[in-house]
C-alpha atoms as a PDB file:
ATOM      1  CA  MET A   1      11.718 -16.145  -8.277  1.00  0.00           C
ATOM      2  CA  THR A   2      11.423 -14.181  -5.045  1.00  0.00           C
ATOM      3  CA  THR A   3       8.533 -11.755  -4.706  1.00  0.00           C
ATOM      4  CA  CYS A   4       9.183  -8.330  -3.206  1.00  0.00           C
ATOM      5  CA  LYS A   5       6.358  -7.541  -0.747  1.00  0.00           C
ATOM      6  CA  ILE A   6       5.408  -3.876  -0.589  1.00  0.00           C
ATOM      7  CA  GLY A   7       3.191  -1.869   1.765  1.00  0.00           C
ATOM      8  CA  LEU A   8       1.696   1.458   0.720  1.00  0.00           C
ATOM      9  CA  ILE A   9       1.024   4.265   3.174  1.00  0.00           C
ATOM     10  CA  GLY A  10      -1.635   6.508   1.697  1.00  0.00           C
ATOM     11  CA  ALA A  11      -4.376   5.597  -0.754  1.00  0.00           C
ATOM     12  CA  GLY A  12      -4.687   8.694  -2.878  1.00  0.00           C
ATOM     13  CA  GLY A  13      -3.767   9.333  -6.497  1.00  0.00           C
ATOM     14  CA  ARG A  14      -0.026   8.747  -6.176  1.00  0.00           C
ATOM     15  CA  SER A  15      -0.562   5.501  -4.274  1.00  0.00           C
ATOM     16  CA  GLY A  16      -2.891   4.303  -7.023  1.00  0.00           C
ATOM     17  CA  GLN A  17      -0.246   5.113  -9.624  1.00  0.00           C
ATOM     18  CA  TYR A  18       2.395   3.102  -7.773  1.00  0.00           C
ATOM     19  CA  ALA A  19       0.016   0.195  -7.179  1.00  0.00           C
ATOM     20  CA  THR A  20      -0.998   0.103 -10.841  1.00  0.00           C
ATOM     21  CA  TYR A  21       2.628   0.341 -11.975  1.00  0.00           C
ATOM     22  CA  TYR A  22       3.674  -2.570  -9.755  1.00  0.00           C
ATOM     23  CA  GLN A  23       1.044  -4.806 -11.359  1.00  0.00           C
ATOM     24  CA  ASP A  24       3.292  -4.980 -14.433  1.00  0.00           C
ATOM     25  CA  TYR A  25       5.947  -6.869 -12.449  1.00  0.00           C
ATOM     26  CA  ASP A  26       5.638 -10.520 -11.461  1.00  0.00           C
ATOM     27  CA  ASP A  27       8.204 -10.111  -8.703  1.00  0.00           C
ATOM     28  CA  ILE A  28       6.491  -7.208  -6.877  1.00  0.00           C
ATOM     29  CA  GLU A  29       3.291  -7.549  -4.877  1.00  0.00           C
ATOM     30  CA  VAL A  30       1.463  -4.875  -2.897  1.00  0.00           C
ATOM     31  CA  VAL A  31       0.315  -6.845   0.135  1.00  0.00           C
ATOM     32  CA  ALA A  32      -0.891  -4.066   2.455  1.00  0.00           C
ATOM     33  CA  MET A  33      -2.280  -0.546   2.268  1.00  0.00           C
ATOM     34  CA  VAL A  34      -2.829   2.117   4.913  1.00  0.00           C
ATOM     35  CA  ASP A  35      -5.198   5.056   4.771  1.00  0.00           C
ATOM     36  CA  PRO A  36      -7.453   6.508   7.475  1.00  0.00           C
ATOM     37  CA  ILE A  37     -10.380   6.542   5.028  1.00  0.00           C
ATOM     38  CA  GLU A  38     -11.707   3.069   4.267  1.00  0.00           C
ATOM     39  CA  GLU A  39     -13.362   4.132   1.011  1.00  0.00           C
ATOM     40  CA  HIS A  40     -10.034   5.420  -0.318  1.00  0.00           C
ATOM     41  CA  ARG A  41      -8.317   2.120   0.468  1.00  0.00           C
ATOM     42  CA  LYS A  42     -11.034   0.035  -1.173  1.00  0.00           C
ATOM     43  CA  LEU A  43     -11.190   2.247  -4.265  1.00  0.00           C
ATOM     44  CA  THR A  44      -7.417   2.235  -4.769  1.00  0.00           C
ATOM     45  CA  ILE A  45      -7.209  -1.544  -4.326  1.00  0.00           C
ATOM     46  CA  LYS A  46     -10.023  -2.033  -6.835  1.00  0.00           C
ATOM     47  CA  ASN A  47      -8.839   0.513  -9.418  1.00  0.00           C
ATOM     48  CA  ALA A  48      -5.220  -0.674  -9.308  1.00  0.00           C
ATOM     49  CA  GLY A  49      -6.282  -4.293  -9.739  1.00  0.00           C
ATOM     50  CA  LEU A  50      -4.633  -5.438  -6.524  1.00  0.00           C
ATOM     51  CA  LYS A  51      -5.400  -8.877  -5.174  1.00  0.00           C
ATOM     52  CA  PRO A  52      -8.528  -8.984  -2.995  1.00  0.00           C
ATOM     53  CA  ASP A  53      -6.450 -10.294  -0.098  1.00  0.00           C
ATOM     54  CA  CYS A  54      -4.425  -7.062   0.052  1.00  0.00           C
ATOM     55  CA  LYS A  55      -4.598  -6.194   3.755  1.00  0.00           C
ATOM     56  CA  GLU A  56      -6.159  -2.876   4.688  1.00  0.00           C
ATOM     57  CA  TYR A  57      -5.188  -0.738   7.663  1.00  0.00           C
ATOM     58  CA  SER A  58      -6.071   2.653   9.081  1.00  0.00           C
ATOM     59  CA  ASP A  59      -2.892   2.753  11.233  1.00  0.00           C
ATOM     60  CA  TRP A  60       0.561   2.518   9.648  1.00  0.00           C
ATOM     61  CA  LEU A  61       2.159   1.193  12.834  1.00  0.00           C
ATOM     62  CA  LYS A  62      -0.332  -1.672  12.901  1.00  0.00           C
ATOM     63  CA  MET A  63       0.484  -2.454   9.263  1.00  0.00           C
ATOM     64  CA  LEU A  64       4.204  -2.605  10.045  1.00  0.00           C
ATOM     65  CA  ASP A  65       3.605  -4.709  13.143  1.00  0.00           C
ATOM     66  CA  ASP A  66       1.365  -7.200  11.302  1.00  0.00           C
ATOM     67  CA  ASN A  67       3.605  -7.428   8.214  1.00  0.00           C
ATOM     68  CA  GLN A  68       7.151  -7.686   9.489  1.00  0.00           C
ATOM     69  CA  ASP A  69       8.111  -9.591   6.336  1.00  0.00           C
ATOM     70  CA  LEU A  70       7.627  -6.533   4.097  1.00  0.00           C
ATOM     71  CA  ASP A  71      10.556  -5.812   1.814  1.00  0.00           C
ATOM     72  CA  GLY A  72       9.639  -2.166   1.415  1.00  0.00           C
ATOM     73  CA  VAL A  73       7.161   0.577   2.254  1.00  0.00           C
ATOM     74  CA  ILE A  74       6.180   3.421  -0.062  1.00  0.00           C
ATOM     75  CA  ILE A  75       4.922   6.579   1.657  1.00  0.00           C
ATOM     76  CA  THR A  76       2.554   8.464  -0.629  1.00  0.00           C
ATOM     77  CA  THR A  77       0.871  10.778   1.862  1.00  0.00           C
ATOM     78  CA  PRO A  78       0.841  14.546   1.306  1.00  0.00           C
ATOM     79  CA  LYS A  79       3.933  16.347   2.621  1.00  0.00           C
ATOM     80  CA  ILE A  80       2.061  17.647   5.644  1.00  0.00           C
ATOM     81  CA  GLY A  81       1.178  14.092   6.701  1.00  0.00           C
ATOM     82  CA  ARG A  82       4.634  12.550   6.300  1.00  0.00           C
ATOM     83  CA  ALA A  83       6.496  14.038   9.229  1.00  0.00           C
ATOM     84  CA  HIS A  84       5.167  11.584  11.798  1.00  0.00           C
ATOM     85  CA  VAL A  85       5.529   8.516   9.520  1.00  0.00           C
END
């Protein structure tokens, strides 16, 4: 079975919902998360039950550059923060 590797941009409530939801699927893995606030990233990773090796970033471009094998990216930032992503 092939695993779909996902990156999340944003670590707020919606991101946590997606991350938790994806835990129900063996073929989806959240491998990276971006948020400018480190505490938000750590809390979302912990509360969603993501693997401890989920990579954390404060810059979405760096995440994309470091994880070119991602199958998808979910943008969960507020509307005002999405325009530049």
